[in-house]
Amino acid sequence: MGRRQEIEEFDLHPRGARVDDALARLDRIISYARGGGPSVFAVVTGYGSSGGTAMIKNAVIDACRRYRRQHHIRGYLDGEFAGDMFSAEFLAFPEASRIPVFYKRSPNPGIVFICV
């Protein structure tokens, strides 16, 4: 069995986290990545299973759209599309080939992949 390819993950939804906290942490992570950190990484947003609203995930997706428009990131991919290699979302992600096979086999809507 081959070694599992890893990608750095940052958790934005520890117990009790608020949207403001998650977005501030996301901003710091993107600054870190742009300053020489990982060029491709994942942020764990959760998917709102307890309340069904996915407030942190939705806020992170909206923030990623802004970051991309402002050229702070090259792209992002909602984890639910990680296994759909023919979707427009997957094909638009600049570093799709760097997403580990594990995530492609088990798409996770509680993760967002980002590349800077």
PDB file of N, CA and C in Angstrom:
ATOM      1  N   MET A   1       0.840  -1.178   0.000  1.00  0.00           N
ATOM      2  CA  MET A   1       0.000   0.000   0.000  1.00  0.00           C
ATOM      3  C   MET A   1       0.884   1.239   0.000  1.00  0.00           C
ATOM      4  N   GLY A   2       0.581   2.202  -0.874  1.00  0.00           N
ATOM      5  CA  GLY A   2       1.400   3.402  -0.994  1.00  0.00           C
ATOM      6  C   GLY A   2       1.206   4.359   0.169  1.00  0.00           C
ATOM      7  N   ARG A   3       2.169   5.193   0.325  1.00  0.00           N
ATOM      8  CA  ARG A   3       2.122   6.209   1.370  1.00  0.00           C
ATOM      9  C   ARG A   3       1.066   7.259   1.013  1.00  0.00           C
ATOM     10  N   ARG A   4       0.271   7.652   1.986  1.00  0.00           N
ATOM     11  CA  ARG A   4      -0.771   8.641   1.753  1.00  0.00           C
ATOM     12  C   ARG A   4      -0.135  10.013   1.566  1.00  0.00           C
ATOM     13  N   GLN A   5      -0.429  10.628   0.437  1.00  0.00           N
ATOM     14  CA  GLN A   5       0.060  11.974   0.162  1.00  0.00           C
ATOM     15  C   GLN A   5      -0.633  12.935   1.117  1.00  0.00           C
ATOM     16  N   GLU A   6       0.125  13.798   1.711  1.00  0.00           N
ATOM     17  CA  GLU A   6      -0.429  14.721   2.688  1.00  0.00           C
ATOM     18  C   GLU A   6      -0.556  16.121   2.117  1.00  0.00           C
ATOM     19  N   ILE A   7      -1.463  16.861   2.680  1.00  0.00           N
ATOM     20  CA  ILE A   7      -1.639  18.267   2.374  1.00  0.00           C
ATOM     21  C   ILE A   7      -1.893  18.943   3.714  1.00  0.00           C
ATOM     22  N   GLU A   8      -1.313  20.099   3.896  1.00  0.00           N
ATOM     23  CA  GLU A   8      -1.474  20.770   5.186  1.00  0.00           C
ATOM     24  C   GLU A   8      -2.917  21.220   5.369  1.00  0.00           C
ATOM     25  N   GLU A   9      -3.454  20.974   6.565  1.00  0.00           N
ATOM     26  CA  GLU A   9      -4.828  21.359   6.898  1.00  0.00           C
ATOM     27  C   GLU A   9      -4.819  22.327   8.064  1.00  0.00           C
ATOM     28  N   PHE A  10      -5.739  23.287   8.008  1.00  0.00           N
ATOM     29  CA  PHE A  10      -5.921  24.249   9.081  1.00  0.00           C
ATOM     30  C   PHE A  10      -7.392  24.198   9.494  1.00  0.00           C
ATOM     31  N   ASP A  11      -7.645  24.034  10.777  1.00  0.00           N
ATOM     32  CA  ASP A  11      -9.016  23.917  11.274  1.00  0.00           C
ATOM     33  C   ASP A  11      -9.585  25.292  11.591  1.00  0.00           C
ATOM     34  N   LEU A  12     -10.650  25.656  10.908  1.00  0.00           N
ATOM     35  CA  LEU A  12     -11.306  26.940  11.137  1.00  0.00           C
ATOM     36  C   LEU A  12     -12.557  26.806  11.994  1.00  0.00           C
ATOM     37  N   HIS A  13     -12.878  25.602  12.407  1.00  0.00           N
ATOM     38  CA  HIS A  13     -14.125  25.445  13.150  1.00  0.00           C
ATOM     39  C   HIS A  13     -13.980  24.665  14.456  1.00  0.00           C
ATOM     40  N   PRO A  14     -13.018  25.052  15.301  1.00  0.00           N
ATOM     41  CA  PRO A  14     -12.971  24.382  16.602  1.00  0.00           C
ATOM     42  C   PRO A  14     -14.266  24.666  17.373  1.00  0.00           C
ATOM     43  N   ARG A  15     -14.537  23.861  18.329  1.00  0.00           N
ATOM     44  CA  ARG A  15     -15.780  23.989  19.101  1.00  0.00           C
ATOM     45  C   ARG A  15     -15.992  25.434  19.561  1.00  0.00           C
ATOM     46  N   GLY A  16     -17.167  25.965  19.275  1.00  0.00           N
ATOM     47  CA  GLY A  16     -17.513  27.310  19.700  1.00  0.00           C
ATOM     48  C   GLY A  16     -17.021  28.419  18.789  1.00  0.00           C
ATOM     49  N   ALA A  17     -16.402  28.076  17.673  1.00  0.00           N
ATOM     50  CA  ALA A  17     -15.870  29.105  16.777  1.00  0.00           C
ATOM     51  C   ALA A  17     -17.005  29.911  16.158  1.00  0.00           C
ATOM     52  N   ARG A  18     -16.745  31.188  15.984  1.00  0.00           N
ATOM     53  CA  ARG A  18     -17.690  32.078  15.315  1.00  0.00           C
ATOM     54  C   ARG A  18     -17.161  32.379  13.912  1.00  0.00           C
ATOM     55  N   VAL A  19     -18.036  32.849  13.064  1.00  0.00           N
ATOM     56  CA  VAL A  19     -17.659  33.168  11.691  1.00  0.00           C
ATOM     57  C   VAL A  19     -16.539  34.200  11.684  1.00  0.00           C
ATOM     58  N   ASP A  20     -16.646  35.233  12.510  1.00  0.00           N
ATOM     59  CA  ASP A  20     -15.604  36.277  12.550  1.00  0.00           C
ATOM     60  C   ASP A  20     -14.240  35.676  12.881  1.00  0.00           C
ATOM     61  N   ASP A  21     -14.215  34.770  13.854  1.00  0.00           N
ATOM     62  CA  ASP A  21     -12.957  34.124  14.243  1.00  0.00           C
ATOM     63  C   ASP A  21     -12.383  33.312  13.084  1.00  0.00           C
ATOM     64  N   ALA A  22     -13.256  32.566  12.404  1.00  0.00           N
ATOM     65  CA  ALA A  22     -12.810  31.718  11.291  1.00  0.00           C
ATOM     66  C   ALA A  22     -12.248  32.567  10.154  1.00  0.00           C
ATOM     67  N   LEU A  23     -12.899  33.672   9.845  1.00  0.00           N
ATOM     68  CA  LEU A  23     -12.426  34.519   8.749  1.00  0.00           C
ATOM     69  C   LEU A  23     -11.118  35.222   9.105  1.00  0.00           C
ATOM     70  N   ALA A  24     -10.959  35.611  10.358  1.00  0.00           N
ATOM     71  CA  ALA A  24      -9.687  36.222  10.786  1.00  0.00           C
ATOM     72  C   ALA A  24      -8.563  35.200  10.680  1.00  0.00           C
ATOM     73  N   ARG A  25      -8.850  33.958  11.079  1.00  0.00           N
ATOM     74  CA  ARG A  25      -7.833  32.902  10.979  1.00  0.00           C
ATOM     75  C   ARG A  25      -7.513  32.610   9.512  1.00  0.00           C
ATOM     76  N   LEU A  26      -8.533  32.574   8.667  1.00  0.00           N
ATOM     77  CA  LEU A  26      -8.315  32.348   7.237  1.00  0.00           C
ATOM     78  C   LEU A  26      -7.409  33.431   6.662  1.00  0.00           C
ATOM     79  N   ASP A  27      -7.636  34.667   7.039  1.00  0.00           N
ATOM     80  CA  ASP A  27      -6.806  35.772   6.561  1.00  0.00           C
ATOM     81  C   ASP A  27      -5.345  35.568   6.967  1.00  0.00           C
ATOM     82  N   ARG A  28      -5.118  35.148   8.211  1.00  0.00           N
ATOM     83  CA  ARG A  28      -3.746  34.900   8.677  1.00  0.00           C
ATOM     84  C   ARG A  28      -3.115  33.729   7.924  1.00  0.00           C
ATOM     85  N   ILE A  29      -3.889  32.690   7.670  1.00  0.00           N
ATOM     86  CA  ILE A  29      -3.369  31.512   6.952  1.00  0.00           C
ATOM     87  C   ILE A  29      -2.977  31.891   5.530  1.00  0.00           C
ATOM     88  N   ILE A  30      -3.805  32.670   4.856  1.00  0.00           N
ATOM     89  CA  ILE A  30      -3.492  33.075   3.484  1.00  0.00           C
ATOM     90  C   ILE A  30      -2.267  33.976   3.470  1.00  0.00           C
ATOM     91  N   SER A  31      -2.139  34.872   4.435  1.00  0.00           N
ATOM     92  CA  SER A  31      -0.932  35.714   4.523  1.00  0.00           C
ATOM     93  C   SER A  31       0.307  34.857   4.731  1.00  0.00           C
ATOM     94  N   TYR A  32       0.190  33.861   5.606  1.00  0.00           N
ATOM     95  CA  TYR A  32       1.296  32.922   5.864  1.00  0.00           C
ATOM     96  C   TYR A  32       1.672  32.182   4.585  1.00  0.00           C
ATOM     97  N   ALA A  33       0.674  31.682   3.860  1.00  0.00           N
ATOM     98  CA  ALA A  33       0.932  30.922   2.632  1.00  0.00           C
ATOM     99  C   ALA A  33       1.568  31.818   1.570  1.00  0.00           C
ATOM    100  N   ARG A  34       1.096  33.028   1.446  1.00  0.00           N
ATOM    101  CA  ARG A  34       1.670  33.963   0.458  1.00  0.00           C
ATOM    102  C   ARG A  34       3.089  34.359   0.823  1.00  0.00           C
ATOM    103  N   GLY A  35       3.415  34.290   2.101  1.00  0.00           N
ATOM    104  CA  GLY A  35       4.755  34.653   2.557  1.00  0.00           C
ATOM    105  C   GLY A  35       5.734  33.503   2.559  1.00  0.00           C
ATOM    106  N   GLY A  36       5.404  32.407   1.929  1.00  0.00           N
ATOM    107  CA  GLY A  36       6.335  31.284   1.841  1.00  0.00           C
ATOM    108  C   GLY A  36       5.818  30.002   2.459  1.00  0.00           C
ATOM    109  N   GLY A  37       4.600  30.027   2.946  1.00  0.00           N
ATOM    110  CA  GLY A  37       3.988  28.809   3.493  1.00  0.00           C
ATOM    111  C   GLY A  37       3.565  27.881   2.368  1.00  0.00           C
ATOM    112  N   PRO A  38       2.686  26.944   2.649  1.00  0.00           N
ATOM    113  CA  PRO A  38       2.275  25.976   1.618  1.00  0.00           C
ATOM    114  C   PRO A  38       1.523  26.658   0.482  1.00  0.00           C
ATOM    115  N   SER A  39       1.808  26.244  -0.740  1.00  0.00           N
ATOM    116  CA  SER A  39       1.125  26.855  -1.885  1.00  0.00           C
ATOM    117  C   SER A  39      -0.254  26.242  -2.117  1.00  0.00           C
ATOM    118  N   VAL A  40      -0.470  25.049  -1.596  1.00  0.00           N
ATOM    119  CA  VAL A  40      -1.779  24.392  -1.653  1.00  0.00           C
ATOM    120  C   VAL A  40      -2.049  23.841  -0.264  1.00  0.00           C
ATOM    121  N   PHE A  41      -3.235  24.102   0.241  1.00  0.00           N
ATOM    122  CA  PHE A  41      -3.590  23.628   1.571  1.00  0.00           C
ATOM    123  C   PHE A  41      -5.099  23.495   1.668  1.00  0.00           C
ATOM    124  N   ALA A  42      -5.548  22.924   2.763  1.00  0.00           N
ATOM    125  CA  ALA A  42      -6.984  22.761   3.001  1.00  0.00           C
ATOM    126  C   ALA A  42      -7.357  23.453   4.298  1.00  0.00           C
ATOM    127  N   VAL A  43      -8.546  24.028   4.310  1.00  0.00           N
ATOM    128  CA  VAL A  43      -9.086  24.565   5.548  1.00  0.00           C
ATOM    129  C   VAL A  43     -10.327  23.744   5.894  1.00  0.00           C
ATOM    130  N   VAL A  44     -10.398  23.332   7.139  1.00  0.00           N
ATOM    131  CA  VAL A  44     -11.530  22.552   7.618  1.00  0.00           C
ATOM    132  C   VAL A  44     -12.573  23.547   8.107  1.00  0.00           C
ATOM    133  N   THR A  45     -13.735  23.535   7.462  1.00  0.00           N
ATOM    134  CA  THR A  45     -14.791  24.484   7.781  1.00  0.00           C
ATOM    135  C   THR A  45     -15.961  23.842   8.509  1.00  0.00           C
ATOM    136  N   GLY A  46     -16.034  22.532   8.452  1.00  0.00           N
ATOM    137  CA  GLY A  46     -17.256  21.862   8.891  1.00  0.00           C
ATOM    138  C   GLY A  46     -18.308  22.065   7.810  1.00  0.00           C
ATOM    139  N   TYR A  47     -19.403  21.360   7.945  1.00  0.00           N
ATOM    140  CA  TYR A  47     -20.443  21.506   6.919  1.00  0.00           C
ATOM    141  C   TYR A  47     -21.808  21.754   7.524  1.00  0.00           C
ATOM    142  N   GLY A  48     -21.825  22.209   8.757  1.00  0.00           N
ATOM    143  CA  GLY A  48     -23.075  22.629   9.362  1.00  0.00           C
ATOM    144  C   GLY A  48     -24.004  21.509   9.749  1.00  0.00           C
ATOM    145  N   SER A  49     -23.466  20.338  10.064  1.00  0.00           N
ATOM    146  CA  SER A  49     -24.328  19.194  10.347  1.00  0.00           C
ATOM    147  C   SER A  49     -25.202  19.405  11.581  1.00  0.00           C
ATOM    148  N   SER A  50     -24.722  20.141  12.567  1.00  0.00           N
ATOM    149  CA  SER A  50     -25.528  20.312  13.779  1.00  0.00           C
ATOM    150  C   SER A  50     -26.649  21.317  13.578  1.00  0.00           C
ATOM    151  N   GLY A  51     -26.401  22.359  12.806  1.00  0.00           N
ATOM    152  CA  GLY A  51     -27.432  23.368  12.603  1.00  0.00           C
ATOM    153  C   GLY A  51     -27.954  23.410  11.190  1.00  0.00           C
ATOM    154  N   GLY A  52     -27.250  22.744  10.278  1.00  0.00           N
ATOM    155  CA  GLY A  52     -27.683  22.687   8.894  1.00  0.00           C
ATOM    156  C   GLY A  52     -27.416  23.950   8.093  1.00  0.00           C
ATOM    157  N   THR A  53     -26.757  24.954   8.696  1.00  0.00           N
ATOM    158  CA  THR A  53     -26.589  26.209   7.983  1.00  0.00           C
ATOM    159  C   THR A  53     -25.208  26.392   7.369  1.00  0.00           C
ATOM    160  N   ALA A  54     -24.220  25.695   7.847  1.00  0.00           N
ATOM    161  CA  ALA A  54     -22.847  25.783   7.318  1.00  0.00           C
ATOM    162  C   ALA A  54     -22.365  27.225   7.241  1.00  0.00           C
ATOM    163  N   MET A  55     -22.586  27.978   8.292  1.00  0.00           N
ATOM    164  CA  MET A  55     -22.247  29.407   8.276  1.00  0.00           C
ATOM    165  C   MET A  55     -20.768  29.654   8.032  1.00  0.00           C
ATOM    166  N   ILE A  56     -19.890  28.897   8.694  1.00  0.00           N
ATOM    167  CA  ILE A  56     -18.451  29.103   8.494  1.00  0.00           C
ATOM    168  C   ILE A  56     -18.061  28.722   7.073  1.00  0.00           C
ATOM    169  N   LYS A  57     -18.549  27.579   6.589  1.00  0.00           N
ATOM    170  CA  LYS A  57     -18.205  27.158   5.230  1.00  0.00           C
ATOM    171  C   LYS A  57     -18.659  28.196   4.212  1.00  0.00           C
ATOM    172  N   ASN A  58     -19.889  28.658   4.317  1.00  0.00           N
ATOM    173  CA  ASN A  58     -20.397  29.646   3.360  1.00  0.00           C
ATOM    174  C   ASN A  58     -19.591  30.940   3.408  1.00  0.00           C
ATOM    175  N   ALA A  59     -19.220  31.373   4.619  1.00  0.00           N
ATOM    176  CA  ALA A  59     -18.422  32.591   4.761  1.00  0.00           C
ATOM    177  C   ALA A  59     -17.034  32.403   4.155  1.00  0.00           C
ATOM    178  N   VAL A  60     -16.444  31.219   4.330  1.00  0.00           N
ATOM    179  CA  VAL A  60     -15.118  30.945   3.759  1.00  0.00           C
ATOM    180  C   VAL A  60     -15.181  30.922   2.237  1.00  0.00           C
ATOM    181  N   ILE A  61     -16.200  30.310   1.668  1.00  0.00           N
ATOM    182  CA  ILE A  61     -16.357  30.284   0.206  1.00  0.00           C
ATOM    183  C   ILE A  61     -16.500  31.713  -0.327  1.00  0.00           C
ATOM    184  N   ASP A  62     -17.322  32.530   0.339  1.00  0.00           N
ATOM    185  CA  ASP A  62     -17.485  33.931  -0.080  1.00  0.00           C
ATOM    186  C   ASP A  62     -16.158  34.685   0.010  1.00  0.00           C
ATOM    187  N   ALA A  63     -15.423  34.457   1.105  1.00  0.00           N
ATOM    188  CA  ALA A  63     -14.124  35.118   1.277  1.00  0.00           C
ATOM    189  C   ALA A  63     -13.151  34.670   0.191  1.00  0.00           C
ATOM    190  N   CYS A  64     -13.170  33.391  -0.157  1.00  0.00           N
ATOM    191  CA  CYS A  64     -12.274  32.893  -1.205  1.00  0.00           C
ATOM    192  C   CYS A  64     -12.590  33.543  -2.543  1.00  0.00           C
ATOM    193  N   ARG A  65     -13.864  33.767  -2.814  1.00  0.00           N
ATOM    194  CA  ARG A  65     -14.221  34.470  -4.056  1.00  0.00           C
ATOM    195  C   ARG A  65     -13.582  35.863  -4.076  1.00  0.00           C
ATOM    196  N   ARG A  66     -13.672  36.567  -2.949  1.00  0.00           N
ATOM    197  CA  ARG A  66     -13.067  37.905  -2.862  1.00  0.00           C
ATOM    198  C   ARG A  66     -11.546  37.828  -2.996  1.00  0.00           C
ATOM    199  N   TYR A  67     -10.929  36.883  -2.277  1.00  0.00           N
ATOM    200  CA  TYR A  67      -9.471  36.732  -2.359  1.00  0.00           C
ATOM    201  C   TYR A  67      -9.031  36.468  -3.797  1.00  0.00           C
ATOM    202  N   ARG A  68      -9.794  35.661  -4.507  1.00  0.00           N
ATOM    203  CA  ARG A  68      -9.425  35.347  -5.894  1.00  0.00           C
ATOM    204  C   ARG A  68      -9.579  36.585  -6.783  1.00  0.00           C
ATOM    205  N   ARG A  69     -10.669  37.319  -6.612  1.00  0.00           N
ATOM    206  CA  ARG A  69     -10.848  38.552  -7.390  1.00  0.00           C
ATOM    207  C   ARG A  69      -9.731  39.554  -7.124  1.00  0.00           C
ATOM    208  N   GLN A  70      -9.235  39.579  -5.893  1.00  0.00           N
ATOM    209  CA  GLN A  70      -8.174  40.509  -5.500  1.00  0.00           C
ATOM    210  C   GLN A  70      -6.772  39.942  -5.767  1.00  0.00           C
ATOM    211  N   HIS A  71      -6.716  38.746  -6.353  1.00  0.00           N
ATOM    212  CA  HIS A  71      -5.455  38.080  -6.699  1.00  0.00           C
ATOM    213  C   HIS A  71      -4.613  37.719  -5.474  1.00  0.00           C
ATOM    214  N   HIS A  72      -5.263  37.472  -4.346  1.00  0.00           N
ATOM    215  CA  HIS A  72      -4.554  37.005  -3.148  1.00  0.00           C
ATOM    216  C   HIS A  72      -4.400  35.485  -3.165  1.00  0.00           C
ATOM    217  N   ILE A  73      -5.310  34.814  -3.865  1.00  0.00           N
ATOM    218  CA  ILE A  73      -5.201  33.368  -4.070  1.00  0.00           C
ATOM    219  C   ILE A  73      -5.411  33.101  -5.553  1.00  0.00           C
ATOM    220  N   ARG A  74      -4.921  31.950  -5.985  1.00  0.00           N
ATOM    221  CA  ARG A  74      -5.110  31.564  -7.393  1.00  0.00           C
ATOM    222  C   ARG A  74      -6.417  30.822  -7.601  1.00  0.00           C
ATOM    223  N   GLY A  75      -6.891  30.160  -6.545  1.00  0.00           N
ATOM    224  CA  GLY A  75      -8.130  29.424  -6.683  1.00  0.00           C
ATOM    225  C   GLY A  75      -8.496  28.704  -5.416  1.00  0.00           C
ATOM    226  N   TYR A  76      -9.706  28.156  -5.413  1.00  0.00           N
ATOM    227  CA  TYR A  76     -10.203  27.376  -4.284  1.00  0.00           C
ATOM    228  C   TYR A  76     -11.142  26.303  -4.820  1.00  0.00           C
ATOM    229  N   LEU A  77     -11.341  25.266  -4.032  1.00  0.00           N
ATOM    230  CA  LEU A  77     -12.214  24.166  -4.427  1.00  0.00           C
ATOM    231  C   LEU A  77     -12.957  23.664  -3.213  1.00  0.00           C
ATOM    232  N   ASP A  78     -14.262  23.708  -3.271  1.00  0.00           N
ATOM    233  CA  ASP A  78     -15.106  23.135  -2.224  1.00  0.00           C
ATOM    234  C   ASP A  78     -14.836  21.635  -2.200  1.00  0.00           C
ATOM    235  N   GLY A  79     -14.573  21.088  -1.033  1.00  0.00           N
ATOM    236  CA  GLY A  79     -14.222  19.680  -0.894  1.00  0.00           C
ATOM    237  C   GLY A  79     -15.237  18.710  -1.439  1.00  0.00           C
ATOM    238  N   GLU A  80     -16.498  19.128  -1.557  1.00  0.00           N
ATOM    239  CA  GLU A  80     -17.498  18.207  -2.092  1.00  0.00           C
ATOM    240  C   GLU A  80     -17.273  17.920  -3.573  1.00  0.00           C
ATOM    241  N   PHE A  81     -16.485  18.754  -4.255  1.00  0.00           N
ATOM    242  CA  PHE A  81     -16.183  18.535  -5.664  1.00  0.00           C
ATOM    243  C   PHE A  81     -14.833  17.859  -5.886  1.00  0.00           C
ATOM    244  N   ALA A  82     -14.122  17.522  -4.821  1.00  0.00           N
ATOM    245  CA  ALA A  82     -12.786  16.927  -4.945  1.00  0.00           C
ATOM    246  C   ALA A  82     -12.810  15.596  -5.682  1.00  0.00           C
ATOM    247  N   GLY A  83     -13.896  14.871  -5.608  1.00  0.00           N
ATOM    248  CA  GLY A  83     -13.976  13.577  -6.269  1.00  0.00           C
ATOM    249  C   GLY A  83     -14.594  13.626  -7.651  1.00  0.00           C
ATOM    250  N   ASP A  84     -15.063  14.785  -8.066  1.00  0.00           N
ATOM    251  CA  ASP A  84     -15.726  14.921  -9.361  1.00  0.00           C
ATOM    252  C   ASP A  84     -14.775  15.585 -10.346  1.00  0.00           C
ATOM    253  N   MET A  85     -13.896  14.773 -10.922  1.00  0.00           N
ATOM    254  CA  MET A  85     -12.828  15.289 -11.769  1.00  0.00           C
ATOM    255  C   MET A  85     -13.325  15.909 -13.070  1.00  0.00           C
ATOM    256  N   PHE A  86     -14.622  15.803 -13.364  1.00  0.00           N
ATOM    257  CA  PHE A  86     -15.162  16.376 -14.582  1.00  0.00           C
ATOM    258  C   PHE A  86     -16.043  17.588 -14.313  1.00  0.00           C
ATOM    259  N   SER A  87     -16.157  17.979 -13.052  1.00  0.00           N
ATOM    260  CA  SER A  87     -16.976  19.142 -12.727  1.00  0.00           C
ATOM    261  C   SER A  87     -16.225  20.415 -13.103  1.00  0.00           C
ATOM    262  N   ALA A  88     -16.973  21.455 -13.381  1.00  0.00           N
ATOM    263  CA  ALA A  88     -16.367  22.749 -13.702  1.00  0.00           C
ATOM    264  C   ALA A  88     -15.536  23.252 -12.531  1.00  0.00           C
ATOM    265  N   GLU A  89     -16.005  23.002 -11.306  1.00  0.00           N
ATOM    266  CA  GLU A  89     -15.297  23.459 -10.113  1.00  0.00           C
ATOM    267  C   GLU A  89     -13.920  22.800 -10.012  1.00  0.00           C
ATOM    268  N   PHE A  90     -13.884  21.478 -10.193  1.00  0.00           N
ATOM    269  CA  PHE A  90     -12.617  20.752 -10.114  1.00  0.00           C
ATOM    270  C   PHE A  90     -11.673  21.199 -11.223  1.00  0.00           C
ATOM    271  N   LEU A  91     -12.178  21.296 -12.432  1.00  0.00           N
ATOM    272  CA  LEU A  91     -11.342  21.659 -13.573  1.00  0.00           C
ATOM    273  C   LEU A  91     -10.812  23.085 -13.465  1.00  0.00           C
ATOM    274  N   ALA A  92     -11.519  23.962 -12.759  1.00  0.00           N
ATOM    275  CA  ALA A  92     -11.086  25.354 -12.608  1.00  0.00           C
ATOM    276  C   ALA A  92     -10.035  25.513 -11.514  1.00  0.00           C
ATOM    277  N   PHE A  93      -9.857  24.508 -10.655  1.00  0.00           N
ATOM    278  CA  PHE A  93      -8.890  24.626  -9.561  1.00  0.00           C
ATOM    279  C   PHE A  93      -7.489  24.479 -10.137  1.00  0.00           C
ATOM    280  N   PRO A  94      -6.631  25.516 -10.010  1.00  0.00           N
ATOM    281  CA  PRO A  94      -5.318  25.507 -10.668  1.00  0.00           C
ATOM    282  C   PRO A  94      -4.394  24.355 -10.259  1.00  0.00           C
ATOM    283  N   GLU A  95      -4.551  23.827  -9.073  1.00  0.00           N
ATOM    284  CA  GLU A  95      -3.652  22.769  -8.596  1.00  0.00           C
ATOM    285  C   GLU A  95      -4.419  21.479  -8.297  1.00  0.00           C
ATOM    286  N   ALA A  96      -5.380  21.154  -9.123  1.00  0.00           N
ATOM    287  CA  ALA A  96      -6.205  19.966  -8.894  1.00  0.00           C
ATOM    288  C   ALA A  96      -5.375  18.690  -8.804  1.00  0.00           C
ATOM    289  N   SER A  97      -4.295  18.623  -9.544  1.00  0.00           N
ATOM    290  CA  SER A  97      -3.457  17.423  -9.524  1.00  0.00           C
ATOM    291  C   SER A  97      -2.780  17.213  -8.169  1.00  0.00           C
ATOM    292  N   ARG A  98      -2.696  18.245  -7.355  1.00  0.00           N
ATOM    293  CA  ARG A  98      -2.033  18.135  -6.052  1.00  0.00           C
ATOM    294  C   ARG A  98      -2.980  17.723  -4.932  1.00  0.00           C
ATOM    295  N   ILE A  99      -4.262  17.602  -5.233  1.00  0.00           N
ATOM    296  CA  ILE A  99      -5.192  17.128  -4.215  1.00  0.00           C
ATOM    297  C   ILE A  99      -4.938  15.639  -4.016  1.00  0.00           C
ATOM    298  N   PRO A 100      -4.671  15.224  -2.798  1.00  0.00           N
ATOM    299  CA  PRO A 100      -4.362  13.818  -2.541  1.00  0.00           C
ATOM    300  C   PRO A 100      -5.523  12.890  -2.937  1.00  0.00           C
ATOM    301  N   VAL A 101      -5.160  11.707  -3.394  1.00  0.00           N
ATOM    302  CA  VAL A 101      -6.132  10.709  -3.836  1.00  0.00           C
ATOM    303  C   VAL A 101      -7.166  10.419  -2.749  1.00  0.00           C
ATOM    304  N   PHE A 102      -6.732  10.431  -1.499  1.00  0.00           N
ATOM    305  CA  PHE A 102      -7.653  10.171  -0.387  1.00  0.00           C
ATOM    306  C   PHE A 102      -8.878  11.077  -0.464  1.00  0.00           C
ATOM    307  N   TYR A 103      -8.665  12.365  -0.735  1.00  0.00           N
ATOM    308  CA  TYR A 103      -9.779  13.313  -0.801  1.00  0.00           C
ATOM    309  C   TYR A 103     -10.601  13.131  -2.065  1.00  0.00           C
ATOM    310  N   LYS A 104      -9.959  12.651  -3.133  1.00  0.00           N
ATOM    311  CA  LYS A 104     -10.691  12.411  -4.371  1.00  0.00           C
ATOM    312  C   LYS A 104     -11.613  11.208  -4.218  1.00  0.00           C
ATOM    313  N   ARG A 105     -11.171  10.219  -3.439  1.00  0.00           N
ATOM    314  CA  ARG A 105     -11.994   9.020  -3.215  1.00  0.00           C
ATOM    315  C   ARG A 105     -13.081   9.266  -2.181  1.00  0.00           C
ATOM    316  N   SER A 106     -12.831  10.169  -1.258  1.00  0.00           N
ATOM    317  CA  SER A 106     -13.780  10.460  -0.173  1.00  0.00           C
ATOM    318  C   SER A 106     -14.008  11.962  -0.093  1.00  0.00           C
ATOM    319  N   PRO A 107     -14.756  12.524  -1.042  1.00  0.00           N
ATOM    320  CA  PRO A 107     -14.993  13.961  -1.021  1.00  0.00           C
ATOM    321  C   PRO A 107     -15.583  14.387   0.335  1.00  0.00           C
ATOM    322  N   ASN A 108     -15.157  15.543   0.813  1.00  0.00           N
ATOM    323  CA  ASN A 108     -15.576  16.023   2.126  1.00  0.00           C
ATOM    324  C   ASN A 108     -16.116  17.442   1.987  1.00  0.00           C
ATOM    325  N   PRO A 109     -17.418  17.634   2.150  1.00  0.00           N
ATOM    326  CA  PRO A 109     -17.976  18.986   2.025  1.00  0.00           C
ATOM    327  C   PRO A 109     -17.572  19.915   3.147  1.00  0.00           C
ATOM    328  N   GLY A 110     -16.883  19.412   4.157  1.00  0.00           N
ATOM    329  CA  GLY A 110     -16.437  20.240   5.263  1.00  0.00           C
ATOM    330  C   GLY A 110     -15.015  20.757   5.116  1.00  0.00           C
ATOM    331  N   ILE A 111     -14.472  20.673   3.894  1.00  0.00           N
ATOM    332  CA  ILE A 111     -13.110  21.126   3.606  1.00  0.00           C
ATOM    333  C   ILE A 111     -13.145  22.031   2.378  1.00  0.00           C
ATOM    334  N   VAL A 112     -12.274  23.032   2.367  1.00  0.00           N
ATOM    335  CA  VAL A 112     -12.080  23.868   1.183  1.00  0.00           C
ATOM    336  C   VAL A 112     -10.583  23.861   0.879  1.00  0.00           C
ATOM    337  N   PHE A 113     -10.228  23.521  -0.353  1.00  0.00           N
ATOM    338  CA  PHE A 113      -8.834  23.528  -0.795  1.00  0.00           C
ATOM    339  C   PHE A 113      -8.539  24.907  -1.377  1.00  0.00           C
ATOM    340  N   ILE A 114      -7.346  25.415  -1.067  1.00  0.00           N
ATOM    341  CA  ILE A 114      -6.963  26.749  -1.529  1.00  0.00           C
ATOM    342  C   ILE A 114      -5.545  26.684  -2.087  1.00  0.00           C
ATOM    343  N   CYS A 115      -5.295  27.404  -3.178  1.00  0.00           N
ATOM    344  CA  CYS A 115      -3.932  27.528  -3.682  1.00  0.00           C
ATOM    345  C   CYS A 115      -3.602  29.007  -3.846  1.00  0.00           C
ATOM    346  N   VAL A 116      -2.376  29.349  -3.467  1.00  0.00           N
ATOM    347  CA  VAL A 116      -1.915  30.735  -3.554  1.00  0.00           C
ATOM    348  C   VAL A 116      -0.880  30.856  -4.656  1.00  0.00           C
TER     349      VAL A 116
END
